Amino acid sequence: MSQKLIFFDFDGTIADSLEVAVAVLQEIAPILNLPTPTRAQIMDWKTKGIVELMQLTGVSLLQIPKIVKLARQSFEKRTADVPIIEGMAEVIHHFMSKGYEMHIISTNATENIRFILDKYQINVFSAIHTPTALFGKDAVIRKVRKQLGFSPENTYMIGDEVRDIEAAQKAGIQSVGVTWGFNHKNLLIAANPHFLIEKVEDLAFI
């Protein structure tokens, strides 16, 4: 059996998709009858927790499935513009050389993710899980971990948002927050992950 099971978030963790995310949010806001955010506003959102963010934007939980669907469609038109985080390909191939079981868990669409993985020659993941629920990652993690027979201490969730850390905590596994993505470092620290990684190459040591 592989020594470790590693779940990666995708956007902001593997894919450097912040600028595309800005364009996506600005495109779908009018469709949802929400104010179109400026880039500066979206950058400020990096410092906000999910509850505060929903209050600021006027988004309700009932709107989340529609937002996810529209965002996936809008993102699809822009996949060619999305680079990956510098150094991430090397880390992924390092994990592959170790024989680790690697999965992606993301609210983005599988087709969008596969396109970018293929483009950068890192399509080496055993599975891509794309729950439509904003807070559905922990259920996927628990199910896959138990199916594959990994212990909680050998299972990791790597993500750039507080909700990734919280999903890992709910699933009882190791949480890894990375500071190069969407949520500000201070928010990640407050979420109390097992590991806080500030340099991509340091991921290789988890």
N, C-alpha and C. Protein backbone atom coordinates (compact mmCIF):
# COMPACT_ATOMS: atom_id res chain seq x y z
N MET A 1 0.84 -1.19 0.00
CA MET A 1 0.00 0.00 0.00
C MET A 1 0.88 1.25 0.00
N SER A 2 0.41 2.30 -0.67
CA SER A 2 1.11 3.58 -0.61
C SER A 2 1.19 4.05 0.82
N GLN A 3 2.24 4.78 1.15
CA GLN A 3 2.46 5.21 2.52
C GLN A 3 1.48 6.29 2.97
N LYS A 4 1.07 7.14 2.04
CA LYS A 4 0.22 8.26 2.40
C LYS A 4 -0.88 8.46 1.36
N LEU A 5 -2.00 8.98 1.83
CA LEU A 5 -3.10 9.41 0.96
C LEU A 5 -3.16 10.93 1.05
N ILE A 6 -3.02 11.59 -0.08
CA ILE A 6 -2.98 13.06 -0.09
C ILE A 6 -4.09 13.60 -0.97
N PHE A 7 -4.93 14.43 -0.37
CA PHE A 7 -5.96 15.16 -1.10
C PHE A 7 -5.44 16.58 -1.36
N PHE A 8 -5.51 17.00 -2.61
CA PHE A 8 -5.17 18.37 -2.97
C PHE A 8 -6.44 19.14 -3.32
N ASP A 9 -6.58 20.34 -2.78
CA ASP A 9 -7.49 21.30 -3.39
C ASP A 9 -6.86 21.70 -4.73
N PHE A 10 -7.65 22.29 -5.62
CA PHE A 10 -7.09 22.61 -6.94
C PHE A 10 -6.84 24.11 -7.12
N ASP A 11 -7.92 24.90 -7.17
CA ASP A 11 -7.75 26.34 -7.44
C ASP A 11 -7.10 27.04 -6.26
N GLY A 12 -5.99 27.71 -6.53
CA GLY A 12 -5.26 28.41 -5.48
C GLY A 12 -4.21 27.56 -4.81
N THR A 13 -4.31 26.25 -4.96
CA THR A 13 -3.35 25.33 -4.35
C THR A 13 -2.42 24.77 -5.42
N ILE A 14 -3.00 24.18 -6.46
CA ILE A 14 -2.23 23.70 -7.61
C ILE A 14 -2.26 24.73 -8.73
N ALA A 15 -3.46 25.19 -9.06
CA ALA A 15 -3.63 26.15 -10.15
C ALA A 15 -3.56 27.58 -9.63
N ASP A 16 -2.81 28.41 -10.31
CA ASP A 16 -2.70 29.83 -9.96
C ASP A 16 -3.84 30.57 -10.66
N SER A 17 -5.05 30.38 -10.15
CA SER A 17 -6.25 30.79 -10.87
C SER A 17 -6.91 32.05 -10.32
N LEU A 18 -6.19 32.82 -9.53
CA LEU A 18 -6.80 34.00 -8.91
C LEU A 18 -7.31 35.00 -9.94
N GLU A 19 -6.50 35.31 -10.94
CA GLU A 19 -6.92 36.32 -11.92
C GLU A 19 -8.12 35.82 -12.74
N VAL A 20 -8.12 34.55 -13.07
CA VAL A 20 -9.27 33.98 -13.76
C VAL A 20 -10.48 33.99 -12.85
N ALA A 21 -10.28 33.73 -11.56
CA ALA A 21 -11.40 33.76 -10.61
C ALA A 21 -12.02 35.15 -10.55
N VAL A 22 -11.20 36.18 -10.62
CA VAL A 22 -11.73 37.55 -10.65
C VAL A 22 -12.65 37.74 -11.85
N ALA A 23 -12.19 37.31 -13.02
CA ALA A 23 -13.00 37.44 -14.24
C ALA A 23 -14.29 36.64 -14.14
N VAL A 24 -14.20 35.44 -13.57
CA VAL A 24 -15.37 34.58 -13.40
C VAL A 24 -16.39 35.24 -12.48
N LEU A 25 -15.94 35.73 -11.35
CA LEU A 25 -16.85 36.36 -10.40
C LEU A 25 -17.52 37.60 -10.99
N GLN A 26 -16.75 38.36 -11.74
CA GLN A 26 -17.32 39.56 -12.36
C GLN A 26 -18.32 39.21 -13.46
N GLU A 27 -18.13 38.07 -14.11
CA GLU A 27 -19.06 37.66 -15.15
C GLU A 27 -20.37 37.11 -14.58
N ILE A 28 -20.28 36.32 -13.52
CA ILE A 28 -21.49 35.65 -13.04
C ILE A 28 -22.31 36.49 -12.06
N ALA A 29 -21.71 37.53 -11.48
CA ALA A 29 -22.45 38.35 -10.50
C ALA A 29 -23.74 38.93 -11.08
N PRO A 30 -23.71 39.55 -12.27
CA PRO A 30 -24.96 40.11 -12.82
C PRO A 30 -26.01 39.04 -13.10
N ILE A 31 -25.59 37.85 -13.46
CA ILE A 31 -26.53 36.76 -13.73
C ILE A 31 -27.29 36.39 -12.46
N LEU A 32 -26.61 36.54 -11.33
CA LEU A 32 -27.19 36.21 -10.03
C LEU A 32 -27.86 37.41 -9.37
N ASN A 33 -27.92 38.53 -10.11
CA ASN A 33 -28.49 39.77 -9.57
C ASN A 33 -27.74 40.27 -8.35
N LEU A 34 -26.43 40.08 -8.40
CA LEU A 34 -25.56 40.56 -7.34
C LEU A 34 -24.69 41.70 -7.88
N PRO A 35 -24.25 42.62 -7.02
CA PRO A 35 -23.36 43.69 -7.48
C PRO A 35 -22.07 43.11 -8.06
N THR A 36 -21.61 43.67 -9.16
CA THR A 36 -20.36 43.19 -9.75
C THR A 36 -19.18 43.68 -8.92
N PRO A 37 -18.39 42.77 -8.37
CA PRO A 37 -17.28 43.19 -7.50
C PRO A 37 -16.10 43.73 -8.31
N THR A 38 -15.39 44.68 -7.74
CA THR A 38 -14.15 45.15 -8.35
C THR A 38 -13.03 44.19 -7.98
N ARG A 39 -11.93 44.31 -8.67
CA ARG A 39 -10.79 43.47 -8.33
C ARG A 39 -10.32 43.76 -6.90
N ALA A 40 -10.34 45.03 -6.51
CA ALA A 40 -9.91 45.40 -5.17
C ALA A 40 -10.80 44.76 -4.10
N GLN A 41 -12.10 44.72 -4.37
CA GLN A 41 -13.01 44.08 -3.43
C GLN A 41 -12.71 42.59 -3.29
N ILE A 42 -12.47 41.94 -4.43
CA ILE A 42 -12.17 40.51 -4.39
C ILE A 42 -10.87 40.24 -3.64
N MET A 43 -9.87 41.12 -3.82
CA MET A 43 -8.62 40.96 -3.07
C MET A 43 -8.86 41.12 -1.57
N ASP A 44 -9.77 42.01 -1.21
CA ASP A 44 -10.11 42.19 0.21
C ASP A 44 -10.80 40.96 0.77
N TRP A 45 -11.53 40.23 -0.08
CA TRP A 45 -12.21 39.02 0.37
C TRP A 45 -11.24 37.96 0.87
N LYS A 46 -9.98 38.06 0.48
CA LYS A 46 -8.98 37.09 0.92
C LYS A 46 -8.83 37.09 2.44
N THR A 47 -9.20 38.22 3.06
CA THR A 47 -9.03 38.34 4.51
C THR A 47 -10.31 37.99 5.27
N LYS A 48 -11.35 37.58 4.57
CA LYS A 48 -12.65 37.34 5.19
C LYS A 48 -12.95 35.85 5.33
N GLY A 49 -13.57 35.50 6.43
CA GLY A 49 -14.07 34.14 6.60
C GLY A 49 -15.30 33.93 5.74
N ILE A 50 -15.70 32.68 5.56
CA ILE A 50 -16.78 32.36 4.63
C ILE A 50 -18.11 32.96 5.08
N VAL A 51 -18.39 32.98 6.38
CA VAL A 51 -19.65 33.54 6.86
C VAL A 51 -19.69 35.05 6.62
N GLU A 52 -18.60 35.73 6.95
CA GLU A 52 -18.52 37.17 6.73
C GLU A 52 -18.61 37.49 5.24
N LEU A 53 -17.98 36.65 4.43
CA LEU A 53 -17.99 36.87 2.98
C LEU A 53 -19.40 36.75 2.41
N MET A 54 -20.14 35.78 2.88
CA MET A 54 -21.51 35.61 2.41
C MET A 54 -22.38 36.79 2.84
N GLN A 55 -22.12 37.31 4.02
CA GLN A 55 -22.85 38.48 4.49
C GLN A 55 -22.52 39.72 3.65
N LEU A 56 -21.25 39.88 3.32
CA LEU A 56 -20.81 41.03 2.53
C LEU A 56 -21.39 41.02 1.11
N THR A 57 -21.46 39.83 0.53
CA THR A 57 -21.90 39.72 -0.86
C THR A 57 -23.39 39.52 -1.01
N GLY A 58 -24.06 39.16 0.08
CA GLY A 58 -25.49 38.90 0.00
C GLY A 58 -25.83 37.53 -0.55
N VAL A 59 -24.84 36.65 -0.62
CA VAL A 59 -25.05 35.30 -1.13
C VAL A 59 -25.63 34.42 -0.02
N SER A 60 -26.62 33.60 -0.37
CA SER A 60 -27.19 32.66 0.58
C SER A 60 -26.75 31.24 0.26
N LEU A 61 -26.88 30.35 1.21
CA LEU A 61 -26.51 28.95 1.00
C LEU A 61 -27.31 28.33 -0.14
N LEU A 62 -28.55 28.77 -0.30
CA LEU A 62 -29.40 28.23 -1.37
C LEU A 62 -28.86 28.57 -2.76
N GLN A 63 -28.09 29.64 -2.85
CA GLN A 63 -27.54 30.05 -4.15
C GLN A 63 -26.25 29.32 -4.51
N ILE A 64 -25.64 28.65 -3.55
CA ILE A 64 -24.32 28.06 -3.78
C ILE A 64 -24.30 27.08 -4.96
N PRO A 65 -25.24 26.11 -5.06
CA PRO A 65 -25.18 25.19 -6.21
C PRO A 65 -25.22 25.91 -7.56
N LYS A 66 -26.05 26.96 -7.67
CA LYS A 66 -26.10 27.70 -8.93
C LYS A 66 -24.81 28.46 -9.18
N ILE A 67 -24.23 29.02 -8.12
CA ILE A 67 -22.97 29.73 -8.26
C ILE A 67 -21.88 28.78 -8.74
N VAL A 68 -21.82 27.59 -8.13
CA VAL A 68 -20.81 26.61 -8.53
C VAL A 68 -20.98 26.24 -10.00
N LYS A 69 -22.21 26.01 -10.43
CA LYS A 69 -22.47 25.64 -11.82
C LYS A 69 -22.05 26.74 -12.79
N LEU A 70 -22.44 27.97 -12.49
CA LEU A 70 -22.08 29.09 -13.36
C LEU A 70 -20.57 29.33 -13.37
N ALA A 71 -19.94 29.20 -12.20
CA ALA A 71 -18.50 29.41 -12.12
C ALA A 71 -17.74 28.37 -12.93
N ARG A 72 -18.20 27.12 -12.88
CA ARG A 72 -17.55 26.08 -13.68
C ARG A 72 -17.64 26.38 -15.16
N GLN A 73 -18.81 26.84 -15.60
CA GLN A 73 -19.01 27.15 -17.01
C GLN A 73 -18.15 28.33 -17.45
N SER A 74 -18.10 29.35 -16.61
CA SER A 74 -17.30 30.53 -16.93
C SER A 74 -15.81 30.20 -16.92
N PHE A 75 -15.39 29.38 -15.96
CA PHE A 75 -13.99 28.97 -15.87
C PHE A 75 -13.56 28.20 -17.11
N GLU A 76 -14.47 27.37 -17.63
CA GLU A 76 -14.16 26.51 -18.78
C GLU A 76 -13.67 27.34 -19.97
N LYS A 77 -14.22 28.54 -20.14
CA LYS A 77 -13.82 29.39 -21.26
C LYS A 77 -12.43 29.97 -21.07
N ARG A 78 -11.89 29.84 -19.87
CA ARG A 78 -10.64 30.51 -19.55
C ARG A 78 -9.54 29.55 -19.11
N THR A 79 -9.74 28.25 -19.27
CA THR A 79 -8.76 27.29 -18.77
C THR A 79 -7.38 27.47 -19.39
N ALA A 80 -7.35 27.91 -20.66
CA ALA A 80 -6.05 28.09 -21.33
C ALA A 80 -5.23 29.21 -20.70
N ASP A 81 -5.88 30.07 -19.92
CA ASP A 81 -5.20 31.21 -19.29
C ASP A 81 -4.71 30.90 -17.88
N VAL A 82 -4.92 29.68 -17.41
CA VAL A 82 -4.60 29.36 -16.01
C VAL A 82 -3.25 28.65 -15.91
N PRO A 83 -2.27 29.28 -15.28
CA PRO A 83 -1.00 28.59 -15.02
C PRO A 83 -1.10 27.77 -13.74
N ILE A 84 -0.09 26.97 -13.47
CA ILE A 84 -0.04 26.30 -12.17
C ILE A 84 0.97 27.04 -11.29
N ILE A 85 0.86 26.81 -10.00
CA ILE A 85 1.77 27.44 -9.05
C ILE A 85 3.20 26.97 -9.34
N GLU A 86 4.12 27.92 -9.37
CA GLU A 86 5.52 27.59 -9.66
C GLU A 86 6.06 26.60 -8.63
N GLY A 87 6.65 25.53 -9.11
CA GLY A 87 7.22 24.51 -8.25
C GLY A 87 6.27 23.38 -7.90
N MET A 88 4.98 23.55 -8.24
CA MET A 88 4.00 22.53 -7.86
C MET A 88 4.18 21.23 -8.65
N ALA A 89 4.55 21.33 -9.91
CA ALA A 89 4.75 20.12 -10.72
C ALA A 89 5.84 19.25 -10.10
N GLU A 90 6.89 19.89 -9.61
CA GLU A 90 7.99 19.14 -9.01
C GLU A 90 7.54 18.42 -7.72
N VAL A 91 6.73 19.11 -6.93
CA VAL A 91 6.22 18.50 -5.69
C VAL A 91 5.33 17.30 -6.01
N ILE A 92 4.45 17.46 -6.99
CA ILE A 92 3.54 16.38 -7.36
C ILE A 92 4.31 15.17 -7.87
N HIS A 93 5.31 15.42 -8.69
CA HIS A 93 6.11 14.30 -9.20
C HIS A 93 6.95 13.66 -8.10
N HIS A 94 7.35 14.46 -7.13
CA HIS A 94 8.07 13.92 -5.97
C HIS A 94 7.16 12.96 -5.19
N PHE A 95 5.93 13.39 -4.94
CA PHE A 95 4.99 12.52 -4.24
C PHE A 95 4.72 11.25 -5.05
N MET A 96 4.63 11.40 -6.37
CA MET A 96 4.39 10.24 -7.23
C MET A 96 5.56 9.26 -7.12
N SER A 97 6.78 9.78 -7.06
CA SER A 97 7.96 8.92 -6.95
C SER A 97 7.99 8.17 -5.62
N LYS A 98 7.33 8.74 -4.62
CA LYS A 98 7.24 8.10 -3.31
C LYS A 98 6.15 7.03 -3.28
N GLY A 99 5.33 6.98 -4.32
CA GLY A 99 4.25 6.02 -4.38
C GLY A 99 3.02 6.43 -3.61
N TYR A 100 2.90 7.73 -3.30
CA TYR A 100 1.74 8.20 -2.54
C TYR A 100 0.48 8.14 -3.39
N GLU A 101 -0.63 7.87 -2.73
CA GLU A 101 -1.95 7.90 -3.37
C GLU A 101 -2.42 9.35 -3.37
N MET A 102 -2.63 9.94 -4.58
CA MET A 102 -2.98 11.34 -4.67
C MET A 102 -4.34 11.54 -5.34
N HIS A 103 -5.15 12.40 -4.73
CA HIS A 103 -6.47 12.73 -5.24
C HIS A 103 -6.63 14.25 -5.25
N ILE A 104 -7.49 14.73 -6.13
CA ILE A 104 -7.89 16.14 -6.11
C ILE A 104 -9.34 16.21 -5.66
N ILE A 105 -9.63 17.19 -4.83
CA ILE A 105 -11.00 17.43 -4.40
C ILE A 105 -11.28 18.92 -4.54
N SER A 106 -12.24 19.26 -5.41
CA SER A 106 -12.43 20.65 -5.81
C SER A 106 -13.86 20.89 -6.24
N THR A 107 -14.32 22.14 -6.08
CA THR A 107 -15.64 22.51 -6.60
C THR A 107 -15.57 22.90 -8.07
N ASN A 108 -14.39 22.92 -8.64
CA ASN A 108 -14.26 23.15 -10.09
C ASN A 108 -14.73 21.89 -10.82
N ALA A 109 -14.89 21.99 -12.14
CA ALA A 109 -15.36 20.85 -12.93
C ALA A 109 -14.19 19.93 -13.31
N THR A 110 -14.47 18.64 -13.37
CA THR A 110 -13.45 17.66 -13.71
C THR A 110 -12.78 17.99 -15.04
N GLU A 111 -13.57 18.39 -16.04
CA GLU A 111 -13.02 18.68 -17.36
C GLU A 111 -12.04 19.85 -17.30
N ASN A 112 -12.36 20.87 -16.53
CA ASN A 112 -11.46 22.02 -16.39
C ASN A 112 -10.15 21.60 -15.74
N ILE A 113 -10.27 20.79 -14.71
CA ILE A 113 -9.07 20.34 -13.98
C ILE A 113 -8.20 19.46 -14.86
N ARG A 114 -8.81 18.51 -15.57
CA ARG A 114 -8.05 17.60 -16.44
C ARG A 114 -7.30 18.38 -17.52
N PHE A 115 -7.94 19.40 -18.08
CA PHE A 115 -7.30 20.21 -19.13
C PHE A 115 -5.99 20.79 -18.62
N ILE A 116 -6.03 21.37 -17.42
CA ILE A 116 -4.85 22.02 -16.87
C ILE A 116 -3.80 20.99 -16.45
N LEU A 117 -4.24 19.89 -15.87
CA LEU A 117 -3.30 18.82 -15.50
C LEU A 117 -2.57 18.28 -16.73
N ASP A 118 -3.32 18.07 -17.80
CA ASP A 118 -2.71 17.59 -19.04
C ASP A 118 -1.73 18.60 -19.61
N LYS A 119 -2.13 19.85 -19.61
CA LYS A 119 -1.29 20.92 -20.17
C LYS A 119 0.07 20.98 -19.49
N TYR A 120 0.09 20.76 -18.18
CA TYR A 120 1.34 20.87 -17.43
C TYR A 120 1.93 19.52 -17.06
N GLN A 121 1.40 18.47 -17.69
CA GLN A 121 1.94 17.12 -17.55
C GLN A 121 1.99 16.65 -16.09
N ILE A 122 0.89 16.93 -15.37
CA ILE A 122 0.77 16.48 -13.98
C ILE A 122 -0.55 15.71 -13.79
N ASN A 123 -1.02 15.08 -14.84
CA ASN A 123 -2.26 14.30 -14.75
C ASN A 123 -1.93 12.92 -14.19
N VAL A 124 -1.52 12.90 -12.93
CA VAL A 124 -1.04 11.68 -12.29
C VAL A 124 -1.88 11.30 -11.07
N PHE A 125 -3.04 11.92 -10.94
CA PHE A 125 -3.88 11.70 -9.76
C PHE A 125 -4.79 10.49 -9.97
N SER A 126 -5.01 9.75 -8.89
CA SER A 126 -5.84 8.55 -8.98
C SER A 126 -7.30 8.89 -9.25
N ALA A 127 -7.76 10.03 -8.74
CA ALA A 127 -9.16 10.42 -8.94
C ALA A 127 -9.31 11.91 -8.71
N ILE A 128 -10.34 12.48 -9.33
CA ILE A 128 -10.73 13.87 -9.12
C ILE A 128 -12.15 13.85 -8.59
N HIS A 129 -12.35 14.46 -7.43
CA HIS A 129 -13.68 14.50 -6.80
C HIS A 129 -14.19 15.93 -6.86
N THR A 130 -15.40 16.13 -7.35
CA THR A 130 -15.92 17.48 -7.55
C THR A 130 -17.31 17.63 -6.91
N PRO A 131 -17.37 17.67 -5.59
CA PRO A 131 -18.66 17.88 -4.94
C PRO A 131 -19.20 19.27 -5.24
N THR A 132 -20.50 19.38 -5.44
CA THR A 132 -21.09 20.69 -5.73
C THR A 132 -21.36 21.47 -4.46
N ALA A 133 -21.42 20.79 -3.32
CA ALA A 133 -21.64 21.48 -2.05
C ALA A 133 -20.36 22.18 -1.62
N LEU A 134 -20.50 23.44 -1.22
CA LEU A 134 -19.34 24.23 -0.82
C LEU A 134 -18.62 23.61 0.37
N PHE A 135 -19.37 22.92 1.24
CA PHE A 135 -18.79 22.33 2.43
C PHE A 135 -18.88 20.80 2.38
N GLY A 136 -18.76 20.21 1.19
CA GLY A 136 -18.93 18.78 1.04
C GLY A 136 -17.65 17.97 1.01
N LYS A 137 -16.51 18.62 1.24
CA LYS A 137 -15.24 17.91 1.07
C LYS A 137 -15.00 16.86 2.16
N ASP A 138 -15.42 17.14 3.38
CA ASP A 138 -15.12 16.20 4.46
C ASP A 138 -15.79 14.85 4.24
N ALA A 139 -17.01 14.85 3.68
CA ALA A 139 -17.70 13.58 3.43
C ALA A 139 -16.96 12.76 2.39
N VAL A 140 -16.44 13.43 1.36
CA VAL A 140 -15.66 12.73 0.32
C VAL A 140 -14.38 12.16 0.92
N ILE A 141 -13.71 12.95 1.73
CA ILE A 141 -12.46 12.51 2.35
C ILE A 141 -12.68 11.26 3.19
N ARG A 142 -13.70 11.28 4.05
CA ARG A 142 -13.98 10.13 4.91
C ARG A 142 -14.28 8.88 4.08
N LYS A 143 -15.10 9.03 3.05
CA LYS A 143 -15.49 7.89 2.23
C LYS A 143 -14.29 7.27 1.52
N VAL A 144 -13.48 8.11 0.88
CA VAL A 144 -12.33 7.61 0.12
C VAL A 144 -11.30 7.00 1.06
N ARG A 145 -11.02 7.67 2.17
CA ARG A 145 -10.02 7.14 3.10
C ARG A 145 -10.40 5.75 3.60
N LYS A 146 -11.66 5.58 3.96
CA LYS A 146 -12.11 4.28 4.46
C LYS A 146 -12.10 3.22 3.37
N GLN A 147 -12.50 3.60 2.16
CA GLN A 147 -12.49 2.65 1.04
C GLN A 147 -11.08 2.16 0.75
N LEU A 148 -10.10 3.05 0.85
CA LEU A 148 -8.73 2.70 0.51
C LEU A 148 -7.95 2.15 1.69
N GLY A 149 -8.50 2.29 2.90
CA GLY A 149 -7.87 1.69 4.06
C GLY A 149 -6.70 2.44 4.65
N PHE A 150 -6.68 3.77 4.47
CA PHE A 150 -5.61 4.57 5.05
C PHE A 150 -6.00 5.03 6.46
N SER A 151 -5.01 5.15 7.32
CA SER A 151 -5.26 5.66 8.66
C SER A 151 -5.38 7.18 8.61
N PRO A 152 -6.08 7.80 9.56
CA PRO A 152 -6.20 9.27 9.59
C PRO A 152 -4.84 9.97 9.66
N GLU A 153 -3.91 9.40 10.41
CA GLU A 153 -2.61 10.06 10.55
C GLU A 153 -1.76 10.00 9.28
N ASN A 154 -2.12 9.14 8.35
CA ASN A 154 -1.40 9.07 7.07
C ASN A 154 -2.21 9.65 5.92
N THR A 155 -3.25 10.42 6.25
CA THR A 155 -4.09 11.05 5.24
C THR A 155 -4.01 12.57 5.42
N TYR A 156 -3.80 13.29 4.32
CA TYR A 156 -3.58 14.73 4.36
C TYR A 156 -4.53 15.45 3.41
N MET A 157 -4.95 16.65 3.80
CA MET A 157 -5.69 17.54 2.92
C MET A 157 -4.89 18.82 2.79
N ILE A 158 -4.50 19.14 1.55
CA ILE A 158 -3.70 20.34 1.28
C ILE A 158 -4.59 21.37 0.59
N GLY A 159 -4.72 22.55 1.19
CA GLY A 159 -5.58 23.56 0.60
C GLY A 159 -5.21 24.97 0.99
N ASP A 160 -5.74 25.92 0.24
CA ASP A 160 -5.41 27.33 0.45
C ASP A 160 -6.51 28.11 1.16
N GLU A 161 -7.60 27.41 1.55
CA GLU A 161 -8.71 28.09 2.19
C GLU A 161 -9.03 27.46 3.54
N VAL A 162 -9.64 28.28 4.40
CA VAL A 162 -10.04 27.80 5.71
C VAL A 162 -10.97 26.60 5.60
N ARG A 163 -11.85 26.62 4.60
CA ARG A 163 -12.79 25.50 4.47
C ARG A 163 -12.08 24.19 4.14
N ASP A 164 -10.90 24.24 3.54
CA ASP A 164 -10.11 23.02 3.32
C ASP A 164 -9.58 22.48 4.64
N ILE A 165 -9.11 23.40 5.48
CA ILE A 165 -8.61 23.00 6.80
C ILE A 165 -9.75 22.44 7.64
N GLU A 166 -10.88 23.09 7.60
CA GLU A 166 -12.03 22.64 8.37
C GLU A 166 -12.54 21.28 7.89
N ALA A 167 -12.49 21.06 6.58
CA ALA A 167 -12.90 19.76 6.04
C ALA A 167 -11.99 18.65 6.56
N ALA A 168 -10.69 18.93 6.58
CA ALA A 168 -9.74 17.95 7.11
C ALA A 168 -10.00 17.68 8.58
N GLN A 169 -10.27 18.73 9.33
CA GLN A 169 -10.53 18.57 10.76
C GLN A 169 -11.80 17.76 11.00
N LYS A 170 -12.85 18.03 10.23
CA LYS A 170 -14.10 17.27 10.38
C LYS A 170 -13.90 15.80 10.01
N ALA A 171 -13.03 15.56 9.03
CA ALA A 171 -12.77 14.19 8.60
C ALA A 171 -11.75 13.49 9.49
N GLY A 172 -11.14 14.22 10.43
CA GLY A 172 -10.21 13.63 11.37
C GLY A 172 -8.85 13.30 10.80
N ILE A 173 -8.43 14.06 9.74
CA ILE A 173 -7.14 13.78 9.10
C ILE A 173 -6.19 14.95 9.30
N GLN A 174 -5.01 14.85 8.70
CA GLN A 174 -4.00 15.90 8.80
C GLN A 174 -4.35 17.07 7.87
N SER A 175 -4.36 18.28 8.42
CA SER A 175 -4.70 19.47 7.63
C SER A 175 -3.44 20.25 7.29
N VAL A 176 -3.34 20.67 6.03
CA VAL A 176 -2.17 21.41 5.54
C VAL A 176 -2.67 22.69 4.86
N GLY A 177 -2.40 23.84 5.47
CA GLY A 177 -2.77 25.11 4.85
C GLY A 177 -1.59 25.68 4.08
N VAL A 178 -1.84 26.19 2.87
CA VAL A 178 -0.78 26.81 2.07
C VAL A 178 -1.12 28.28 1.87
N THR A 179 -0.10 29.13 1.94
CA THR A 179 -0.33 30.58 2.01
C THR A 179 -0.32 31.29 0.67
N TRP A 180 -0.12 30.57 -0.43
CA TRP A 180 -0.02 31.24 -1.74
C TRP A 180 -1.36 31.32 -2.48
N GLY A 181 -2.43 30.90 -1.84
CA GLY A 181 -3.72 30.88 -2.52
C GLY A 181 -4.65 32.00 -2.10
N PHE A 182 -5.94 31.65 -1.93
CA PHE A 182 -6.96 32.68 -1.74
C PHE A 182 -6.99 33.27 -0.34
N ASN A 183 -7.08 32.45 0.68
CA ASN A 183 -7.22 33.00 2.03
C ASN A 183 -5.90 33.54 2.57
N HIS A 184 -6.00 34.65 3.28
CA HIS A 184 -4.84 35.29 3.89
C HIS A 184 -4.21 34.37 4.94
N LYS A 185 -2.92 34.50 5.10
CA LYS A 185 -2.18 33.68 6.05
C LYS A 185 -2.79 33.74 7.46
N ASN A 186 -3.21 34.93 7.90
CA ASN A 186 -3.75 35.07 9.25
C ASN A 186 -5.03 34.25 9.45
N LEU A 187 -5.86 34.17 8.41
CA LEU A 187 -7.07 33.34 8.48
C LEU A 187 -6.70 31.87 8.62
N LEU A 188 -5.70 31.45 7.86
CA LEU A 188 -5.26 30.05 7.92
C LEU A 188 -4.70 29.72 9.30
N ILE A 189 -3.93 30.63 9.86
CA ILE A 189 -3.36 30.40 11.19
C ILE A 189 -4.47 30.24 12.22
N ALA A 190 -5.50 31.10 12.11
CA ALA A 190 -6.61 31.06 13.06
C ALA A 190 -7.38 29.74 12.97
N ALA A 191 -7.33 29.10 11.79
CA ALA A 191 -8.02 27.81 11.61
C ALA A 191 -7.25 26.65 12.23
N ASN A 192 -6.02 26.90 12.63
CA ASN A 192 -5.20 25.93 13.37
C ASN A 192 -4.93 24.64 12.59
N PRO A 193 -4.32 24.75 11.40
CA PRO A 193 -3.97 23.52 10.66
C PRO A 193 -2.81 22.79 11.32
N HIS A 194 -2.68 21.52 11.00
CA HIS A 194 -1.53 20.76 11.52
C HIS A 194 -0.22 21.32 10.95
N PHE A 195 -0.26 21.73 9.69
CA PHE A 195 0.92 22.27 9.03
C PHE A 195 0.52 23.56 8.30
N LEU A 196 1.38 24.56 8.33
CA LEU A 196 1.20 25.78 7.54
C LEU A 196 2.42 25.92 6.65
N ILE A 197 2.21 25.87 5.35
CA ILE A 197 3.30 25.86 4.38
C ILE A 197 3.33 27.17 3.61
N GLU A 198 4.49 27.84 3.62
CA GLU A 198 4.62 29.13 2.94
C GLU A 198 5.44 29.05 1.65
N LYS A 199 6.19 27.98 1.48
CA LYS A 199 6.98 27.78 0.27
C LYS A 199 6.58 26.45 -0.35
N VAL A 200 6.34 26.47 -1.65
CA VAL A 200 5.85 25.27 -2.33
C VAL A 200 6.77 24.07 -2.09
N GLU A 201 8.06 24.30 -2.16
CA GLU A 201 9.00 23.19 -2.03
C GLU A 201 8.94 22.53 -0.65
N ASP A 202 8.44 23.25 0.35
CA ASP A 202 8.35 22.68 1.69
C ASP A 202 7.24 21.64 1.81
N LEU A 203 6.33 21.60 0.84
CA LEU A 203 5.31 20.56 0.83
C LEU A 203 5.91 19.17 0.77
N ALA A 204 7.07 19.07 0.15
CA ALA A 204 7.70 17.77 -0.03
C ALA A 204 8.05 17.10 1.30
N PHE A 205 8.03 17.87 2.39
CA PHE A 205 8.46 17.34 3.68
C PHE A 205 7.30 16.88 4.56
N ILE A 206 6.06 16.98 4.09
CA ILE A 206 4.96 16.52 4.94
C ILE A 206 4.91 15.00 4.96
